[in-house]
Amino acid sequence: MRAPSTTPRLSRRVAVAGAVAVLAAATALANRVLPGWAYPVCGAVTAGVLIGLARLAGAGYADLGLSRRDWRRAARTGGLGCLVVAAGFAVALAVPGLRALFDDGRVGRPAPADLAWLALVRIPLGTVLVEEVAFRGALPALLGGGQQWRWRPVLGASALFGLWHLLPSLALRRNAAVDAAAGPLPLPVVSLLAMVGAAAAGVALCRLRHTGRGVLAPALVHLALNSGGLVLSWLVQRAG
């Protein structure tokens, strides 16, 4: 294993436990307690705390996927991933059977100003920033991954990414396509399947992070999926 980039002042085990506790508190606050305007603030603060914990445990910025020297490569990799996302959206819009994916009751019909807030502030800071820093940066580094691909850190961080989606998964049946596909399955089963799917997506995003040598790569793809999907869902429902 590569030597730590800073002198550890905190053991890795303590840092991992602290990171998990911080994330558990953050998801409970964001999904059940805080008002909507505080969601991105909570995300940004949580990301900062996680970076601080990882640094105290000896992880360098390169281990976290935050090295400035790799940002160009990460941006190029993420940009290519965004093109793939755009192509997928185009196919979904073109195929009638797939357009139901955009019929999402969670989106509603917000005013344009509210939509801009969601797509440009709430999602980037409250969702993408904290999730990429946590599950593609801090946790893999603390679990022994860092700049190298190791399955145990990747699977550990991705499993926690799946658990992170427990509360959001409880609202999945408000999406018409998900509800139709789930059929008679009870909500706990749908929720479990959603968390497994999120964990699998976490592994793919970890691969993107290592290919691009930085969390910016998966962050761009994550943003394209979430904000892009939100805007398209809004447009489709508005047109309908």
Protein backbone atom coordinates (compact mmCIF):
# COMPACT_ATOMS: atom_id res chain seq x y z
CA MET A 1 0.00 0.00 0.00
CA ARG A 2 1.14 3.49 -0.76
CA ALA A 3 2.39 5.38 2.30
CA PRO A 4 -0.03 7.92 3.76
CA SER A 5 0.36 11.41 2.34
CA THR A 6 0.04 13.08 5.74
CA THR A 7 0.98 12.06 9.28
CA PRO A 8 -2.06 10.24 10.72
CA ARG A 9 -3.55 11.86 13.80
CA LEU A 10 -6.56 9.56 13.78
CA SER A 11 -6.77 5.81 13.25
CA ARG A 12 -8.46 4.59 10.08
CA ARG A 13 -11.01 2.58 12.07
CA VAL A 14 -12.03 5.58 14.13
CA ALA A 15 -12.23 7.71 10.99
CA VAL A 16 -14.43 5.14 9.22
CA ALA A 17 -16.74 4.93 12.23
CA GLY A 18 -16.88 8.71 12.39
CA ALA A 19 -17.62 8.98 8.66
CA VAL A 20 -20.46 6.45 8.88
CA ALA A 21 -21.92 8.27 11.89
CA VAL A 22 -21.71 11.63 10.10
CA LEU A 23 -23.40 10.20 7.00
CA ALA A 24 -26.17 8.56 9.04
CA ALA A 25 -26.87 11.85 10.80
CA ALA A 26 -26.74 13.77 7.52
CA THR A 27 -29.23 11.55 5.68
CA ALA A 28 -31.64 11.63 8.63
CA LEU A 29 -31.40 15.42 8.88
CA ALA A 30 -31.65 16.01 5.13
CA ASN A 31 -34.58 13.67 4.52
CA ARG A 32 -36.59 14.06 7.72
CA VAL A 33 -35.67 17.19 9.67
CA LEU A 34 -34.15 20.11 7.77
CA PRO A 35 -36.16 22.52 5.59
CA GLY A 36 -35.56 22.38 1.85
CA TRP A 37 -33.25 25.40 1.73
CA ALA A 38 -30.85 23.75 4.22
CA TYR A 39 -30.39 20.57 2.16
CA PRO A 40 -27.42 21.83 0.09
CA VAL A 41 -25.87 23.41 3.19
CA CYS A 42 -26.04 20.07 4.97
CA GLY A 43 -24.43 18.37 1.95
CA ALA A 44 -21.58 20.84 1.71
CA VAL A 45 -20.86 20.73 5.45
CA THR A 46 -20.96 16.92 5.46
CA ALA A 47 -18.51 16.76 2.54
CA GLY A 48 -16.14 19.11 4.36
CA VAL A 49 -16.29 17.04 7.56
CA LEU A 50 -15.57 13.83 5.65
CA ILE A 51 -12.56 15.36 3.92
CA GLY A 52 -11.31 16.54 7.30
CA LEU A 53 -11.69 13.06 8.83
CA ALA A 54 -9.86 11.43 5.93
CA ARG A 55 -7.03 13.96 6.12
CA LEU A 56 -6.69 13.40 9.87
CA ALA A 57 -6.40 9.67 9.16
CA GLY A 58 -3.49 10.29 6.77
CA ALA A 59 -5.19 10.32 3.37
CA GLY A 60 -3.80 12.76 0.81
CA TYR A 61 -5.82 14.72 -1.70
CA ALA A 62 -4.83 12.29 -4.47
CA ASP A 63 -6.11 9.38 -2.33
CA LEU A 64 -9.42 11.24 -2.07
CA GLY A 65 -9.61 11.92 -5.81
CA LEU A 66 -9.19 15.64 -5.19
CA SER A 67 -5.70 16.27 -6.57
CA ARG A 68 -5.54 19.38 -8.77
CA ARG A 69 -3.06 17.77 -11.16
CA ASP A 70 -5.67 15.20 -12.25
CA TRP A 71 -8.64 17.51 -12.74
CA ARG A 72 -8.23 17.83 -16.50
CA ARG A 73 -8.25 14.08 -17.00
CA ALA A 74 -11.19 13.73 -14.62
CA ALA A 75 -13.09 16.46 -16.50
CA ARG A 76 -12.48 14.75 -19.86
CA THR A 77 -13.56 11.37 -18.51
CA GLY A 78 -16.64 12.84 -16.90
CA GLY A 79 -17.49 14.75 -20.07
CA LEU A 80 -17.43 11.54 -22.11
CA GLY A 81 -19.66 9.91 -19.49
CA CYS A 82 -22.11 12.81 -19.82
CA LEU A 83 -22.35 12.16 -23.55
CA VAL A 84 -23.32 8.55 -22.79
CA VAL A 85 -25.96 9.81 -20.34
CA ALA A 86 -27.31 12.22 -22.97
CA ALA A 87 -27.53 9.39 -25.50
CA GLY A 88 -29.44 7.27 -22.98
CA PHE A 89 -31.88 10.10 -22.32
CA ALA A 90 -32.40 10.55 -26.06
CA VAL A 91 -33.26 6.87 -26.48
CA ALA A 92 -35.65 6.97 -23.50
CA LEU A 93 -37.43 10.00 -24.98
CA ALA A 94 -37.65 8.42 -28.43
CA VAL A 95 -39.07 5.07 -27.31
CA PRO A 96 -42.70 5.42 -26.15
CA GLY A 97 -42.42 2.55 -23.70
CA LEU A 98 -39.53 4.24 -21.93
CA ARG A 99 -41.01 7.72 -21.63
CA ALA A 100 -42.79 6.60 -18.46
CA LEU A 101 -39.39 6.85 -16.77
CA PHE A 102 -39.88 10.61 -16.83
CA ASP A 103 -43.36 10.40 -15.29
CA ASP A 104 -42.10 10.92 -11.76
CA GLY A 105 -44.48 12.12 -9.08
CA ARG A 106 -41.54 13.25 -6.95
CA VAL A 107 -40.79 16.01 -9.45
CA GLY A 108 -44.21 17.63 -9.55
CA ARG A 109 -44.61 20.87 -11.48
CA PRO A 110 -42.27 23.40 -9.84
CA ALA A 111 -42.01 26.94 -11.18
CA PRO A 112 -39.00 27.59 -13.45
CA ALA A 113 -37.16 29.42 -10.64
CA ASP A 114 -37.71 26.48 -8.30
CA LEU A 115 -36.54 24.07 -10.99
CA ALA A 116 -33.33 26.09 -11.41
CA TRP A 117 -32.78 25.97 -7.63
CA LEU A 118 -33.22 22.20 -7.62
CA ALA A 119 -31.05 21.50 -10.67
CA LEU A 120 -28.29 24.03 -10.06
CA VAL A 121 -28.01 24.24 -6.25
CA ARG A 122 -29.88 21.55 -4.32
CA ILE A 123 -28.74 18.57 -6.40
CA PRO A 124 -25.12 19.66 -7.03
CA LEU A 125 -24.40 20.53 -3.38
CA GLY A 126 -26.91 18.47 -1.44
CA THR A 127 -26.61 15.25 -3.43
CA VAL A 128 -23.71 15.06 -5.87
CA LEU A 129 -21.01 16.78 -3.79
CA VAL A 130 -21.58 14.85 -0.59
CA GLU A 131 -22.12 11.48 -2.28
CA GLU A 132 -19.06 11.67 -4.50
CA VAL A 133 -16.79 12.96 -1.74
CA ALA A 134 -18.13 10.30 0.64
CA PHE A 135 -18.50 7.18 -1.47
CA ARG A 136 -15.93 7.67 -4.22
CA GLY A 137 -13.40 9.67 -2.20
CA ALA A 138 -13.24 9.49 1.60
CA LEU A 139 -14.65 6.03 2.36
CA PRO A 140 -12.66 4.09 -0.27
CA ALA A 141 -9.50 5.86 0.90
CA LEU A 142 -10.22 5.13 4.56
CA LEU A 143 -11.01 1.49 3.75
CA GLY A 144 -7.59 1.07 2.13
CA GLY A 145 -8.20 1.94 -1.51
CA GLY A 146 -6.80 5.38 -2.21
CA GLN A 147 -5.42 5.75 -5.72
CA GLN A 148 -5.39 2.02 -6.45
CA TRP A 149 -8.33 -0.17 -7.42
CA ARG A 150 -9.02 -2.64 -4.63
CA TRP A 151 -12.25 -4.57 -4.50
CA ARG A 152 -12.76 -4.57 -0.73
CA PRO A 153 -12.75 -0.76 -0.36
CA VAL A 154 -14.85 -0.36 -3.50
CA LEU A 155 -17.44 -2.91 -2.40
CA GLY A 156 -17.48 -1.57 1.15
CA ALA A 157 -18.04 2.02 0.05
CA SER A 158 -20.60 0.95 -2.55
CA ALA A 159 -22.55 -1.13 0.00
CA LEU A 160 -22.74 1.94 2.23
CA PHE A 161 -23.85 3.94 -0.83
CA GLY A 162 -26.72 1.49 -1.20
CA LEU A 163 -27.70 1.89 2.46
CA TRP A 164 -27.50 5.68 2.06
CA HIS A 165 -30.46 5.39 -0.33
CA LEU A 166 -32.75 3.71 2.20
CA LEU A 167 -34.90 6.76 2.96
CA PRO A 168 -35.11 8.03 -0.67
CA SER A 169 -36.06 4.52 -1.84
CA LEU A 170 -39.26 4.66 0.19
CA ALA A 171 -40.68 7.17 -2.33
CA LEU A 172 -39.79 5.20 -5.46
CA ARG A 173 -43.33 4.04 -6.19
CA ARG A 174 -44.20 7.63 -7.03
CA ASN A 175 -42.34 7.04 -10.30
CA ALA A 176 -44.80 5.57 -12.80
CA ALA A 177 -42.25 3.30 -14.51
CA VAL A 178 -40.95 1.94 -11.21
CA ASP A 179 -44.47 1.38 -9.90
CA ALA A 180 -45.47 -0.47 -13.07
CA ALA A 181 -42.31 -2.59 -13.07
CA ALA A 182 -42.62 -3.45 -9.36
CA GLY A 183 -46.18 -4.69 -9.78
CA PRO A 184 -47.43 -6.40 -6.60
CA LEU A 185 -44.06 -6.34 -4.84
CA PRO A 186 -44.31 -4.83 -1.36
CA LEU A 187 -42.51 -1.56 -0.68
CA PRO A 188 -39.77 -3.15 1.50
CA VAL A 189 -38.78 -5.40 -1.40
CA VAL A 190 -38.79 -2.49 -3.84
CA SER A 191 -36.67 -0.52 -1.38
CA LEU A 192 -34.18 -3.39 -1.00
CA LEU A 193 -33.88 -3.80 -4.77
CA ALA A 194 -33.33 -0.06 -5.11
CA MET A 195 -30.51 -0.15 -2.57
CA VAL A 196 -28.88 -3.09 -4.34
CA GLY A 197 -29.15 -1.15 -7.60
CA ALA A 198 -27.60 1.90 -5.95
CA ALA A 199 -24.72 -0.23 -4.65
CA ALA A 200 -24.10 -1.58 -8.18
CA ALA A 201 -24.17 1.98 -9.52
CA GLY A 202 -21.66 2.87 -6.81
CA VAL A 203 -19.21 0.29 -8.16
CA ALA A 204 -19.58 1.74 -11.68
CA LEU A 205 -19.00 5.27 -10.36
CA CYS A 206 -15.92 4.06 -8.47
CA ARG A 207 -14.56 2.69 -11.76
CA LEU A 208 -15.19 6.05 -13.37
CA ARG A 209 -13.39 7.78 -10.51
CA HIS A 210 -10.32 5.56 -10.99
CA THR A 211 -10.38 5.88 -14.77
CA GLY A 212 -10.53 9.67 -14.47
CA ARG A 213 -8.22 9.77 -11.44
CA GLY A 214 -10.59 12.05 -9.58
CA VAL A 215 -14.08 12.36 -8.12
CA LEU A 216 -14.89 15.06 -10.67
CA ALA A 217 -15.42 12.34 -13.30
CA PRO A 218 -18.25 10.50 -11.51
CA ALA A 219 -19.55 13.81 -10.14
CA LEU A 220 -20.18 15.13 -13.66
CA VAL A 221 -22.00 11.94 -14.68
CA HIS A 222 -23.96 11.93 -11.42
CA LEU A 223 -24.97 15.55 -12.00
CA ALA A 224 -26.01 14.82 -15.59
CA LEU A 225 -28.18 11.92 -14.44
CA ASN A 226 -29.84 13.70 -11.54
CA SER A 227 -30.19 17.28 -12.73
CA GLY A 228 -30.62 16.29 -16.37
CA GLY A 229 -33.23 13.69 -15.46
CA LEU A 230 -35.06 16.22 -13.31
CA VAL A 231 -35.23 18.82 -16.06
CA LEU A 232 -36.34 16.30 -18.68
CA SER A 233 -38.99 14.90 -16.33
CA TRP A 234 -40.27 18.42 -15.74
CA LEU A 235 -40.40 19.13 -19.48
CA VAL A 236 -42.14 15.86 -20.33
CA GLN A 237 -44.77 16.27 -17.60
CA ARG A 238 -45.28 19.92 -18.55
CA ALA A 239 -45.77 18.96 -22.19
CA GLY A 240 -48.19 16.22 -21.23
